[in-house]
Amino acid sequence: MNSDYKIIFTIVKKGMGSMIVSESKKLGASASTIMLGKGTAPKSIYTELLGMSYEPEKEIIMTLVKEDLVEKIMQRITDLAKLNQRGNGISFVINLKK
């Protein structure tokens, strides 16, 4: 795999993954995978520390993108999932290397 690819990881409330994958592909993402996850932290971590309602079931989306598309796709994901609002989720990028 060439080093000009990145993986965007996005963790959001259950039910949002398909929309994020669809929009990412429209913007040029190469591939995506949605996995279901369940947090194991105590309820107080969600409500007191993170300011989120206690919804331990999440979707984890891995999106393969060319490096030059990362900013555009990350911005669209942020807008769609309202990641700028506390408690809606998180998205981050990692380098893809052998």
PDB file of N, CA and C in Angstrom:
ATOM      1  N   MET A   1       0.851  -1.176   0.000  1.00  0.00           N
ATOM      2  CA  MET A   1       0.000   0.000   0.000  1.00  0.00           C
ATOM      3  C   MET A   1       0.889   1.230   0.000  1.00  0.00           C
ATOM      4  N   ASN A   2       0.570   2.161  -0.823  1.00  0.00           N
ATOM      5  CA  ASN A   2       1.341   3.395  -0.953  1.00  0.00           C
ATOM      6  C   ASN A   2       1.153   4.279   0.277  1.00  0.00           C
ATOM      7  N   SER A   3       2.181   5.043   0.637  1.00  0.00           N
ATOM      8  CA  SER A   3       2.128   5.858   1.850  1.00  0.00           C
ATOM      9  C   SER A   3       1.302   7.129   1.683  1.00  0.00           C
ATOM     10  N   ASP A   4       0.734   7.369   0.497  1.00  0.00           N
ATOM     11  CA  ASP A   4      -0.082   8.566   0.336  1.00  0.00           C
ATOM     12  C   ASP A   4      -1.541   8.321   0.715  1.00  0.00           C
ATOM     13  N   TYR A   5      -1.802   7.210   1.381  1.00  0.00           N
ATOM     14  CA  TYR A   5      -3.140   6.912   1.886  1.00  0.00           C
ATOM     15  C   TYR A   5      -3.171   7.086   3.402  1.00  0.00           C
ATOM     16  N   LYS A   6      -4.338   7.447   3.899  1.00  0.00           N
ATOM     17  CA  LYS A   6      -4.568   7.597   5.337  1.00  0.00           C
ATOM     18  C   LYS A   6      -5.848   6.845   5.682  1.00  0.00           C
ATOM     19  N   ILE A   7      -6.030   6.570   6.959  1.00  0.00           N
ATOM     20  CA  ILE A   7      -7.290   6.006   7.432  1.00  0.00           C
ATOM     21  C   ILE A   7      -7.919   7.007   8.389  1.00  0.00           C
ATOM     22  N   ILE A   8      -9.156   7.365   8.104  1.00  0.00           N
ATOM     23  CA  ILE A   8      -9.936   8.211   9.004  1.00  0.00           C
ATOM     24  C   ILE A   8     -10.763   7.274   9.880  1.00  0.00           C
ATOM     25  N   PHE A   9     -10.586   7.377  11.178  1.00  0.00           N
ATOM     26  CA  PHE A   9     -11.415   6.649  12.136  1.00  0.00           C
ATOM     27  C   PHE A   9     -12.461   7.614  12.665  1.00  0.00           C
ATOM     28  N   THR A  10     -13.703   7.191  12.672  1.00  0.00           N
ATOM     29  CA  THR A  10     -14.788   8.012  13.196  1.00  0.00           C
ATOM     30  C   THR A  10     -15.616   7.148  14.135  1.00  0.00           C
ATOM     31  N   ILE A  11     -15.887   7.656  15.328  1.00  0.00           N
ATOM     32  CA  ILE A  11     -16.713   6.950  16.303  1.00  0.00           C
ATOM     33  C   ILE A  11     -17.928   7.825  16.577  1.00  0.00           C
ATOM     34  N   VAL A  12     -19.108   7.281  16.268  1.00  0.00           N
ATOM     35  CA  VAL A  12     -20.354   8.041  16.392  1.00  0.00           C
ATOM     36  C   VAL A  12     -21.454   7.161  16.975  1.00  0.00           C
ATOM     37  N   LYS A  13     -22.582   7.787  17.262  1.00  0.00           N
ATOM     38  CA  LYS A  13     -23.738   7.057  17.759  1.00  0.00           C
ATOM     39  C   LYS A  13     -24.190   6.028  16.728  1.00  0.00           C
ATOM     40  N   LYS A  14     -24.701   4.924  17.228  1.00  0.00           N
ATOM     41  CA  LYS A  14     -25.188   3.852  16.365  1.00  0.00           C
ATOM     42  C   LYS A  14     -26.261   4.400  15.423  1.00  0.00           C
ATOM     43  N   GLY A  15     -26.132   4.056  14.136  1.00  0.00           N
ATOM     44  CA  GLY A  15     -27.104   4.484  13.143  1.00  0.00           C
ATOM     45  C   GLY A  15     -26.607   5.550  12.191  1.00  0.00           C
ATOM     46  N   MET A  16     -25.458   6.138  12.469  1.00  0.00           N
ATOM     47  CA  MET A  16     -24.938   7.214  11.625  1.00  0.00           C
ATOM     48  C   MET A  16     -23.901   6.736  10.610  1.00  0.00           C
ATOM     49  N   GLY A  17     -23.410   5.538  10.760  1.00  0.00           N
ATOM     50  CA  GLY A  17     -22.314   5.047   9.940  1.00  0.00           C
ATOM     51  C   GLY A  17     -22.599   5.014   8.452  1.00  0.00           C
ATOM     52  N   SER A  18     -23.761   4.540   8.059  1.00  0.00           N
ATOM     53  CA  SER A  18     -24.085   4.429   6.630  1.00  0.00           C
ATOM     54  C   SER A  18     -24.080   5.784   5.943  1.00  0.00           C
ATOM     55  N   MET A  19     -24.599   6.793   6.616  1.00  0.00           N
ATOM     56  CA  MET A  19     -24.621   8.142   6.051  1.00  0.00           C
ATOM     57  C   MET A  19     -23.187   8.665   5.878  1.00  0.00           C
ATOM     58  N   ILE A  20     -22.350   8.432   6.849  1.00  0.00           N
ATOM     59  CA  ILE A  20     -20.961   8.891   6.779  1.00  0.00           C
ATOM     60  C   ILE A  20     -20.218   8.181   5.653  1.00  0.00           C
ATOM     61  N   VAL A  21     -20.417   6.878   5.518  1.00  0.00           N
ATOM     62  CA  VAL A  21     -19.774   6.121   4.441  1.00  0.00           C
ATOM     63  C   VAL A  21     -20.240   6.624   3.081  1.00  0.00           C
ATOM     64  N   SER A  22     -21.527   6.815   2.927  1.00  0.00           N
ATOM     65  CA  SER A  22     -22.083   7.280   1.651  1.00  0.00           C
ATOM     66  C   SER A  22     -21.507   8.630   1.242  1.00  0.00           C
ATOM     67  N   GLU A  23     -21.489   9.567   2.168  1.00  0.00           N
ATOM     68  CA  GLU A  23     -20.968  10.906   1.873  1.00  0.00           C
ATOM     69  C   GLU A  23     -19.463  10.879   1.609  1.00  0.00           C
ATOM     70  N   SER A  24     -18.743  10.046   2.340  1.00  0.00           N
ATOM     71  CA  SER A  24     -17.296   9.939   2.137  1.00  0.00           C
ATOM     72  C   SER A  24     -16.978   9.400   0.749  1.00  0.00           C
ATOM     73  N   LYS A  25     -17.747   8.416   0.312  1.00  0.00           N
ATOM     74  CA  LYS A  25     -17.529   7.852  -1.027  1.00  0.00           C
ATOM     75  C   LYS A  25     -17.828   8.886  -2.108  1.00  0.00           C
ATOM     76  N   LYS A  26     -18.865   9.708  -1.908  1.00  0.00           N
ATOM     77  CA  LYS A  26     -19.183  10.772  -2.865  1.00  0.00           C
ATOM     78  C   LYS A  26     -18.015  11.738  -3.030  1.00  0.00           C
ATOM     79  N   LEU A  27     -17.246  11.913  -1.956  1.00  0.00           N
ATOM     80  CA  LEU A  27     -16.117  12.842  -1.982  1.00  0.00           C
ATOM     81  C   LEU A  27     -14.806  12.178  -2.398  1.00  0.00           C
ATOM     82  N   GLY A  28     -14.851  10.884  -2.709  1.00  0.00           N
ATOM     83  CA  GLY A  28     -13.663  10.227  -3.238  1.00  0.00           C
ATOM     84  C   GLY A  28     -12.985   9.209  -2.346  1.00  0.00           C
ATOM     85  N   ALA A  29     -13.584   8.865  -1.208  1.00  0.00           N
ATOM     86  CA  ALA A  29     -12.982   7.845  -0.341  1.00  0.00           C
ATOM     87  C   ALA A  29     -12.857   6.532  -1.101  1.00  0.00           C
ATOM     88  N   SER A  30     -11.778   5.822  -0.873  1.00  0.00           N
ATOM     89  CA  SER A  30     -11.517   4.571  -1.585  1.00  0.00           C
ATOM     90  C   SER A  30     -12.340   3.406  -1.052  1.00  0.00           C
ATOM     91  N   ALA A  31     -12.483   3.312   0.272  1.00  0.00           N
ATOM     92  CA  ALA A  31     -13.212   2.205   0.890  1.00  0.00           C
ATOM     93  C   ALA A  31     -13.553   2.569   2.330  1.00  0.00           C
ATOM     94  N   SER A  32     -14.591   1.926   2.857  1.00  0.00           N
ATOM     95  CA  SER A  32     -14.988   2.149   4.251  1.00  0.00           C
ATOM     96  C   SER A  32     -15.476   0.847   4.863  1.00  0.00           C
ATOM     97  N   THR A  33     -15.334   0.755   6.167  1.00  0.00           N
ATOM     98  CA  THR A  33     -15.847  -0.372   6.935  1.00  0.00           C
ATOM     99  C   THR A  33     -16.514   0.176   8.183  1.00  0.00           C
ATOM    100  N   ILE A  34     -17.691  -0.354   8.499  1.00  0.00           N
ATOM    101  CA  ILE A  34     -18.400   0.029   9.724  1.00  0.00           C
ATOM    102  C   ILE A  34     -18.357  -1.159  10.679  1.00  0.00           C
ATOM    103  N   MET A  35     -17.932  -0.893  11.910  1.00  0.00           N
ATOM    104  CA  MET A  35     -17.927  -1.914  12.951  1.00  0.00           C
ATOM    105  C   MET A  35     -18.775  -1.418  14.109  1.00  0.00           C
ATOM    106  N   LEU A  36     -19.434  -2.341  14.775  1.00  0.00           N
ATOM    107  CA  LEU A  36     -20.182  -1.979  15.973  1.00  0.00           C
ATOM    108  C   LEU A  36     -19.269  -2.087  17.177  1.00  0.00           C
ATOM    109  N   GLY A  37     -19.416  -1.145  18.089  1.00  0.00           N
ATOM    110  CA  GLY A  37     -18.622  -1.149  19.301  1.00  0.00           C
ATOM    111  C   GLY A  37     -19.497  -0.847  20.496  1.00  0.00           C
ATOM    112  N   LYS A  38     -19.034  -1.235  21.649  1.00  0.00           N
ATOM    113  CA  LYS A  38     -19.771  -0.956  22.876  1.00  0.00           C
ATOM    114  C   LYS A  38     -18.774  -0.522  23.929  1.00  0.00           C
ATOM    115  N   GLY A  39     -18.973   0.681  24.439  1.00  0.00           N
ATOM    116  CA  GLY A  39     -18.097   1.195  25.476  1.00  0.00           C
ATOM    117  C   GLY A  39     -18.242   0.409  26.763  1.00  0.00           C
ATOM    118  N   THR A  40     -17.161   0.346  27.515  1.00  0.00           N
ATOM    119  CA  THR A  40     -17.189  -0.395  28.776  1.00  0.00           C
ATOM    120  C   THR A  40     -16.994   0.514  29.984  1.00  0.00           C
ATOM    121  N   ALA A  41     -16.883   1.806  29.738  1.00  0.00           N
ATOM    122  CA  ALA A  41     -16.679   2.755  30.839  1.00  0.00           C
ATOM    123  C   ALA A  41     -17.955   2.869  31.673  1.00  0.00           C
ATOM    124  N   PRO A  42     -17.807   3.171  32.960  1.00  0.00           N
ATOM    125  CA  PRO A  42     -18.980   3.380  33.805  1.00  0.00           C
ATOM    126  C   PRO A  42     -19.831   4.545  33.288  1.00  0.00           C
ATOM    127  N   LYS A  43     -21.114   4.501  33.570  1.00  0.00           N
ATOM    128  CA  LYS A  43     -22.046   5.539  33.123  1.00  0.00           C
ATOM    129  C   LYS A  43     -21.573   6.930  33.532  1.00  0.00           C
ATOM    130  N   SER A  44     -20.972   7.060  34.698  1.00  0.00           N
ATOM    131  CA  SER A  44     -20.526   8.370  35.184  1.00  0.00           C
ATOM    132  C   SER A  44     -19.457   8.989  34.283  1.00  0.00           C
ATOM    133  N   ILE A  45     -18.656   8.176  33.626  1.00  0.00           N
ATOM    134  CA  ILE A  45     -17.644   8.701  32.697  1.00  0.00           C
ATOM    135  C   ILE A  45     -18.337   9.424  31.547  1.00  0.00           C
ATOM    136  N   TYR A  46     -19.394   8.822  31.023  1.00  0.00           N
ATOM    137  CA  TYR A  46     -20.139   9.445  29.928  1.00  0.00           C
ATOM    138  C   TYR A  46     -20.806  10.742  30.380  1.00  0.00           C
ATOM    139  N   THR A  47     -21.537  10.660  31.476  1.00  0.00           N
ATOM    140  CA  THR A  47     -22.371  11.791  31.881  1.00  0.00           C
ATOM    141  C   THR A  47     -21.588  12.920  32.544  1.00  0.00           C
ATOM    142  N   GLU A  48     -20.653  12.605  33.411  1.00  0.00           N
ATOM    143  CA  GLU A  48     -19.941  13.641  34.159  1.00  0.00           C
ATOM    144  C   GLU A  48     -18.684  14.140  33.452  1.00  0.00           C
ATOM    145  N   LEU A  49     -17.880  13.239  32.953  1.00  0.00           N
ATOM    146  CA  LEU A  49     -16.606  13.628  32.353  1.00  0.00           C
ATOM    147  C   LEU A  49     -16.751  14.064  30.894  1.00  0.00           C
ATOM    148  N   LEU A  50     -17.486  13.290  30.104  1.00  0.00           N
ATOM    149  CA  LEU A  50     -17.606  13.569  28.674  1.00  0.00           C
ATOM    150  C   LEU A  50     -18.827  14.406  28.310  1.00  0.00           C
ATOM    151  N   GLY A  51     -19.753  14.560  29.239  1.00  0.00           N
ATOM    152  CA  GLY A  51     -20.947  15.354  28.966  1.00  0.00           C
ATOM    153  C   GLY A  51     -21.868  14.716  27.941  1.00  0.00           C
ATOM    154  N   MET A  52     -21.863  13.392  27.876  1.00  0.00           N
ATOM    155  CA  MET A  52     -22.669  12.667  26.896  1.00  0.00           C
ATOM    156  C   MET A  52     -23.766  11.894  27.604  1.00  0.00           C
ATOM    157  N   SER A  53     -24.852  11.645  26.881  1.00  0.00           N
ATOM    158  CA  SER A  53     -25.841  10.724  27.420  1.00  0.00           C
ATOM    159  C   SER A  53     -25.244   9.319  27.345  1.00  0.00           C
ATOM    160  N   TYR A  54     -25.707   8.455  28.201  1.00  0.00           N
ATOM    161  CA  TYR A  54     -25.150   7.107  28.275  1.00  0.00           C
ATOM    162  C   TYR A  54     -25.726   6.241  27.163  1.00  0.00           C
ATOM    163  N   GLU A  55     -25.002   6.149  26.089  1.00  0.00           N
ATOM    164  CA  GLU A  55     -25.361   5.305  24.948  1.00  0.00           C
ATOM    165  C   GLU A  55     -24.108   4.527  24.564  1.00  0.00           C
ATOM    166  N   PRO A  56     -23.871   3.388  25.217  1.00  0.00           N
ATOM    167  CA  PRO A  56     -22.607   2.692  25.013  1.00  0.00           C
ATOM    168  C   PRO A  56     -22.425   2.086  23.622  1.00  0.00           C
ATOM    169  N   GLU A  57     -23.507   1.875  22.865  1.00  0.00           N
ATOM    170  CA  GLU A  57     -23.365   1.295  21.530  1.00  0.00           C
ATOM    171  C   GLU A  57     -22.976   2.367  20.527  1.00  0.00           C
ATOM    172  N   LYS A  58     -21.884   2.131  19.837  1.00  0.00           N
ATOM    173  CA  LYS A  58     -21.334   3.094  18.872  1.00  0.00           C
ATOM    174  C   LYS A  58     -21.042   2.392  17.557  1.00  0.00           C
ATOM    175  N   GLU A  59     -20.838   3.199  16.532  1.00  0.00           N
ATOM    176  CA  GLU A  59     -20.336   2.687  15.266  1.00  0.00           C
ATOM    177  C   GLU A  59     -18.944   3.259  15.059  1.00  0.00           C
ATOM    178  N   ILE A  60     -18.031   2.401  14.683  1.00  0.00           N
ATOM    179  CA  ILE A  60     -16.664   2.808  14.377  1.00  0.00           C
ATOM    180  C   ILE A  60     -16.498   2.662  12.873  1.00  0.00           C
ATOM    181  N   ILE A  61     -16.204   3.768  12.210  1.00  0.00           N
ATOM    182  CA  ILE A  61     -16.061   3.762  10.762  1.00  0.00           C
ATOM    183  C   ILE A  61     -14.594   3.962  10.420  1.00  0.00           C
ATOM    184  N   MET A  62     -14.049   3.054   9.627  1.00  0.00           N
ATOM    185  CA  MET A  62     -12.693   3.196   9.100  1.00  0.00           C
ATOM    186  C   MET A  62     -12.832   3.540   7.626  1.00  0.00           C
ATOM    187  N   THR A  63     -12.254   4.668   7.229  1.00  0.00           N
ATOM    188  CA  THR A  63     -12.377   5.146   5.858  1.00  0.00           C
ATOM    189  C   THR A  63     -10.991   5.330   5.259  1.00  0.00           C
ATOM    190  N   LEU A  64     -10.731   4.636   4.170  1.00  0.00           N
ATOM    191  CA  LEU A  64      -9.458   4.734   3.462  1.00  0.00           C
ATOM    192  C   LEU A  64      -9.543   5.876   2.456  1.00  0.00           C
ATOM    193  N   VAL A  65      -8.622   6.845   2.576  1.00  0.00           N
ATOM    194  CA  VAL A  65      -8.652   8.012   1.688  1.00  0.00           C
ATOM    195  C   VAL A  65      -7.245   8.372   1.232  1.00  0.00           C
ATOM    196  N   LYS A  66      -7.168   8.953   0.045  1.00  0.00           N
ATOM    197  CA  LYS A  66      -5.892   9.505  -0.405  1.00  0.00           C
ATOM    198  C   LYS A  66      -5.592  10.738   0.438  1.00  0.00           C
ATOM    199  N   GLU A  67      -4.324  10.962   0.676  1.00  0.00           N
ATOM    200  CA  GLU A  67      -3.894  12.049   1.561  1.00  0.00           C
ATOM    201  C   GLU A  67      -4.478  13.405   1.167  1.00  0.00           C
ATOM    202  N   ASP A  68      -4.575  13.676  -0.120  1.00  0.00           N
ATOM    203  CA  ASP A  68      -5.062  14.987  -0.554  1.00  0.00           C
ATOM    204  C   ASP A  68      -6.565  15.179  -0.348  1.00  0.00           C
ATOM    205  N   LEU A  69      -7.288  14.120   0.041  1.00  0.00           N
ATOM    206  CA  LEU A  69      -8.729  14.224   0.292  1.00  0.00           C
ATOM    207  C   LEU A  69      -9.079  14.267   1.779  1.00  0.00           C
ATOM    208  N   VAL A  70      -8.081  14.080   2.638  1.00  0.00           N
ATOM    209  CA  VAL A  70      -8.339  13.964   4.077  1.00  0.00           C
ATOM    210  C   VAL A  70      -9.095  15.170   4.627  1.00  0.00           C
ATOM    211  N   GLU A  71      -8.613  16.365   4.375  1.00  0.00           N
ATOM    212  CA  GLU A  71      -9.240  17.561   4.961  1.00  0.00           C
ATOM    213  C   GLU A  71     -10.690  17.719   4.521  1.00  0.00           C
ATOM    214  N   LYS A  72     -10.945  17.525   3.232  1.00  0.00           N
ATOM    215  CA  LYS A  72     -12.302  17.690   2.701  1.00  0.00           C
ATOM    216  C   LYS A  72     -13.262  16.656   3.303  1.00  0.00           C
ATOM    217  N   ILE A  73     -12.826  15.414   3.374  1.00  0.00           N
ATOM    218  CA  ILE A  73     -13.687  14.358   3.907  1.00  0.00           C
ATOM    219  C   ILE A  73     -13.867  14.504   5.412  1.00  0.00           C
ATOM    220  N   MET A  74     -12.801  14.842   6.130  1.00  0.00           N
ATOM    221  CA  MET A  74     -12.922  15.067   7.580  1.00  0.00           C
ATOM    222  C   MET A  74     -13.902  16.199   7.877  1.00  0.00           C
ATOM    223  N   GLN A  75     -13.849  17.257   7.104  1.00  0.00           N
ATOM    224  CA  GLN A  75     -14.761  18.382   7.326  1.00  0.00           C
ATOM    225  C   GLN A  75     -16.207  17.958   7.099  1.00  0.00           C
ATOM    226  N   ARG A  76     -16.443  17.163   6.060  1.00  0.00           N
ATOM    227  CA  ARG A  76     -17.806  16.698   5.776  1.00  0.00           C
ATOM    228  C   ARG A  76     -18.304  15.788   6.890  1.00  0.00           C
ATOM    229  N   ILE A  77     -17.457  14.896   7.369  1.00  0.00           N
ATOM    230  CA  ILE A  77     -17.831  14.019   8.481  1.00  0.00           C
ATOM    231  C   ILE A  77     -18.157  14.853   9.717  1.00  0.00           C
ATOM    232  N   THR A  78     -17.320  15.835  10.002  1.00  0.00           N
ATOM    233  CA  THR A  78     -17.540  16.711  11.158  1.00  0.00           C
ATOM    234  C   THR A  78     -18.877  17.425  11.052  1.00  0.00           C
ATOM    235  N   ASP A  79     -19.190  17.926   9.868  1.00  0.00           N
ATOM    236  CA  ASP A  79     -20.463  18.622   9.661  1.00  0.00           C
ATOM    237  C   ASP A  79     -21.654  17.675   9.793  1.00  0.00           C
ATOM    238  N   LEU A  80     -21.580  16.514   9.147  1.00  0.00           N
ATOM    239  CA  LEU A  80     -22.691  15.553   9.169  1.00  0.00           C
ATOM    240  C   LEU A  80     -22.998  15.057  10.575  1.00  0.00           C
ATOM    241  N   ALA A  81     -21.959  14.671  11.288  1.00  0.00           N
ATOM    242  CA  ALA A  81     -22.132  14.076  12.614  1.00  0.00           C
ATOM    243  C   ALA A  81     -22.141  15.118  13.726  1.00  0.00           C
ATOM    244  N   LYS A  82     -21.984  16.387  13.354  1.00  0.00           N
ATOM    245  CA  LYS A  82     -21.941  17.480  14.339  1.00  0.00           C
ATOM    246  C   LYS A  82     -20.887  17.196  15.409  1.00  0.00           C
ATOM    247  N   LEU A  83     -19.699  16.820  14.939  1.00  0.00           N
ATOM    248  CA  LEU A  83     -18.628  16.465  15.865  1.00  0.00           C
ATOM    249  C   LEU A  83     -18.082  17.660  16.630  1.00  0.00           C
ATOM    250  N   ASN A  84     -18.401  18.859  16.193  1.00  0.00           N
ATOM    251  CA  ASN A  84     -17.977  20.050  16.935  1.00  0.00           C
ATOM    252  C   ASN A  84     -18.822  20.280  18.182  1.00  0.00           C
ATOM    253  N   GLN A  85     -19.914  19.534  18.301  1.00  0.00           N
ATOM    254  CA  GLN A  85     -20.758  19.638  19.488  1.00  0.00           C
ATOM    255  C   GLN A  85     -20.386  18.515  20.455  1.00  0.00           C
ATOM    256  N   ARG A  86     -20.252  18.881  21.691  1.00  0.00           N
ATOM    257  CA  ARG A  86     -19.826  17.951  22.735  1.00  0.00           C
ATOM    258  C   ARG A  86     -20.730  16.713  22.785  1.00  0.00           C
ATOM    259  N   GLY A  87     -20.094  15.563  22.838  1.00  0.00           N
ATOM    260  CA  GLY A  87     -20.819  14.317  23.035  1.00  0.00           C
ATOM    261  C   GLY A  87     -21.297  13.620  21.774  1.00  0.00           C
ATOM    262  N   ASN A  88     -21.014  14.158  20.593  1.00  0.00           N
ATOM    263  CA  ASN A  88     -21.519  13.541  19.364  1.00  0.00           C
ATOM    264  C   ASN A  88     -20.568  12.531  18.747  1.00  0.00           C
ATOM    265  N   GLY A  89     -19.327  12.522  19.157  1.00  0.00           N
ATOM    266  CA  GLY A  89     -18.385  11.557  18.607  1.00  0.00           C
ATOM    267  C   GLY A  89     -17.019  12.167  18.393  1.00  0.00           C
ATOM    268  N   ILE A  90     -16.187  11.409  17.698  1.00  0.00           N
ATOM    269  CA  ILE A  90     -14.812  11.839  17.460  1.00  0.00           C
ATOM    270  C   ILE A  90     -14.347  11.274  16.120  1.00  0.00           C
ATOM    271  N   SER A  91     -13.422  11.972  15.502  1.00  0.00           N
ATOM    272  CA  SER A  91     -12.819  11.509  14.259  1.00  0.00           C
ATOM    273  C   SER A  91     -11.339  11.861  14.296  1.00  0.00           C
ATOM    274  N   PHE A  92     -10.507  10.941  13.830  1.00  0.00           N
ATOM    275  CA  PHE A  92      -9.070  11.194  13.796  1.00  0.00           C
ATOM    276  C   PHE A  92      -8.455  10.428  12.632  1.00  0.00           C
ATOM    277  N   VAL A  93      -7.236  10.796  12.267  1.00  0.00           N
ATOM    278  CA  VAL A  93      -6.558  10.232  11.100  1.00  0.00           C
ATOM    279  C   VAL A  93      -5.268   9.550  11.532  1.00  0.00           C
ATOM    280  N   ILE A  94      -4.981   8.402  10.925  1.00  0.00           N
ATOM    281  CA  ILE A  94      -3.687   7.763  11.141  1.00  0.00           C
ATOM    282  C   ILE A  94      -3.038   7.493   9.783  1.00  0.00           C
ATOM    283  N   ASN A  95      -1.715   7.462   9.791  1.00  0.00           N
ATOM    284  CA  ASN A  95      -0.970   7.135   8.580  1.00  0.00           C
ATOM    285  C   ASN A  95      -1.103   5.653   8.288  1.00  0.00           C
ATOM    286  N   LEU A  96      -1.095   5.316   7.036  1.00  0.00           N
ATOM    287  CA  LEU A  96      -1.152   3.918   6.636  1.00  0.00           C
ATOM    288  C   LEU A  96       0.203   3.537   6.057  1.00  0.00           C
ATOM    289  N   LYS A  97       0.871   2.606   6.720  1.00  0.00           N
ATOM    290  CA  LYS A  97       2.195   2.152   6.283  1.00  0.00           C
ATOM    291  C   LYS A  97       2.248   0.645   6.351  1.00  0.00           C
ATOM    292  N   LYS A  98       3.236   0.091   5.680  1.00  0.00           N
ATOM    293  CA  LYS A  98       3.431  -1.360   5.727  1.00  0.00           C
ATOM    294  C   LYS A  98       3.728  -1.814   7.125  1.00  0.00           C
TER     295      LYS A  98
END
